[in-house]
Protein backbone atom coordinates (compact mmCIF):
# COMPACT_ATOMS: atom_id res chain seq x y z
CA MET A 1 -0.70 -2.70 24.86
CA PHE A 2 2.06 -4.31 22.83
CA ALA A 3 2.63 -4.35 19.31
CA VAL A 4 5.21 -6.41 16.42
CA VAL A 5 7.20 -3.83 14.76
CA ARG A 6 9.92 -4.80 12.11
CA THR A 7 13.41 -3.01 12.24
CA GLY A 8 16.68 -3.91 10.61
CA GLY A 9 15.24 -7.00 8.80
CA LYS A 10 13.88 -8.47 12.16
CA GLN A 11 10.86 -8.59 14.00
CA TYR A 12 10.14 -7.28 17.93
CA ARG A 13 7.46 -7.81 20.49
CA VAL A 14 7.52 -4.86 22.20
CA ALA A 15 5.71 -2.64 24.92
CA ALA A 16 5.58 0.47 26.63
CA GLY A 17 8.77 0.54 28.73
CA ASP A 18 10.75 -2.68 27.39
CA LYS A 19 14.55 -2.09 25.75
CA ILE A 20 15.34 -3.89 23.11
CA VAL A 21 18.69 -4.29 21.27
CA VAL A 22 18.05 -4.00 16.93
CA GLU A 23 20.64 -3.00 13.89
CA LYS A 24 22.27 0.40 14.15
CA LEU A 25 19.75 3.36 13.16
CA ALA A 26 21.18 6.59 12.65
CA GLY A 27 21.37 8.88 16.43
CA ASP A 28 22.52 9.43 19.15
CA ALA A 29 22.14 8.58 22.57
CA GLY A 30 19.13 10.28 23.61
CA ASP A 31 17.69 10.80 20.37
CA LYS A 32 13.69 9.96 19.56
CA VAL A 33 13.10 7.40 16.64
CA THR A 34 9.66 6.33 15.50
CA LEU A 35 9.23 3.01 13.80
CA ASP A 36 6.43 2.94 11.34
CA ASP A 37 6.65 -0.35 10.25
CA VAL A 38 4.12 -1.94 12.54
CA LEU A 39 2.96 -5.48 11.75
CA PHE A 40 0.43 -6.09 14.75
CA ALA A 41 -0.64 -4.90 17.43
CA GLY A 42 -2.79 -5.53 20.44
CA GLU A 43 -4.41 -5.20 24.01
CA GLY A 44 -4.75 -8.53 26.21
CA SER A 45 -6.96 -11.00 23.67
CA GLU A 46 -8.15 -7.85 21.40
CA LEU A 47 -6.46 -6.71 18.45
CA LYS A 48 -5.49 -3.71 16.98
CA ASP A 49 -6.09 -1.78 13.49
CA THR A 50 -2.33 -1.49 12.06
CA LYS A 51 -2.68 1.62 9.59
CA GLY A 52 -1.04 4.40 10.77
CA LEU A 53 0.28 3.36 13.69
CA THR A 54 3.70 4.28 15.03
CA VAL A 55 6.31 2.98 18.24
CA ALA A 56 7.79 6.30 19.38
CA ALA A 57 11.26 5.32 20.86
CA GLU A 58 14.08 6.57 22.55
CA ILE A 59 18.11 5.75 21.48
CA ILE A 60 19.61 4.87 24.68
CA ALA A 61 23.06 3.83 23.31
CA GLN A 62 24.66 2.81 20.59
CA ALA A 63 27.04 -0.42 20.96
CA LYS A 64 28.83 -3.02 19.48
CA ALA A 65 28.12 -7.01 20.32
CA ASP A 66 30.69 -9.30 21.58
CA LYS A 67 33.17 -10.57 18.67
CA VAL A 68 32.62 -13.29 16.43
CA ILE A 69 35.75 -15.33 15.29
CA VAL A 70 35.26 -16.34 11.60
CA PHE A 71 38.21 -19.10 11.09
CA LYS A 72 38.71 -20.81 7.83
CA LYS A 73 41.40 -23.62 6.98
CA ARG A 74 41.29 -26.35 4.46
CA ARG A 75 43.33 -29.36 5.08
CA ARG A 76 46.99 -29.72 3.57
CA HIS A 77 46.45 -27.05 1.69
CA ASN A 78 48.85 -24.68 4.23
CA TYR A 79 45.48 -22.43 4.18
CA ARG A 80 44.59 -20.84 6.96
CA ARG A 81 42.37 -17.03 7.74
CA ARG A 82 41.11 -15.80 11.01
CA ASN A 83 39.32 -12.89 10.88
CA GLY A 84 36.63 -11.18 13.32
CA HIS A 85 33.63 -9.03 13.57
CA ARG A 86 31.91 -7.23 16.03
CA GLN A 87 28.15 -6.30 14.70
CA GLN A 88 26.92 -2.42 15.20
CA HIS A 89 23.73 -2.36 18.01
CA THR A 90 21.76 0.21 18.95
CA ILE A 91 19.67 0.02 22.52
CA LEU A 92 16.27 1.36 22.50
CA LYS A 93 13.90 2.02 25.41
CA ILE A 94 9.73 1.70 23.70
CA VAL A 95 8.42 4.89 24.85
CA SER A 96 4.69 4.36 23.88
CA ILE A 97 2.41 2.66 21.23
CA GLY A 98 -0.77 5.12 19.41
CA ALA A 99 -1.20 6.87 16.03
């Protein structure tokens, strides 16, 4: 069985046993998380009703993405700005899809 869930403004197709990287969620490694915003679910070519359907997940780790360098420059104005950013992520393992 698979489901499409929305978290952090993005959508993910998940099945039991999958590992996904999502925007930071509150919690520590080993905590259980429930994803309630299920948009679509099915098994094979059959579609399931998503009313009351939830996805149970476990937090594996809290991590940071690779650094992204933001560099701004204006020609002939002696203007240069260099800034870096590392986005925080949560790595989830999908435990089950069910009510």
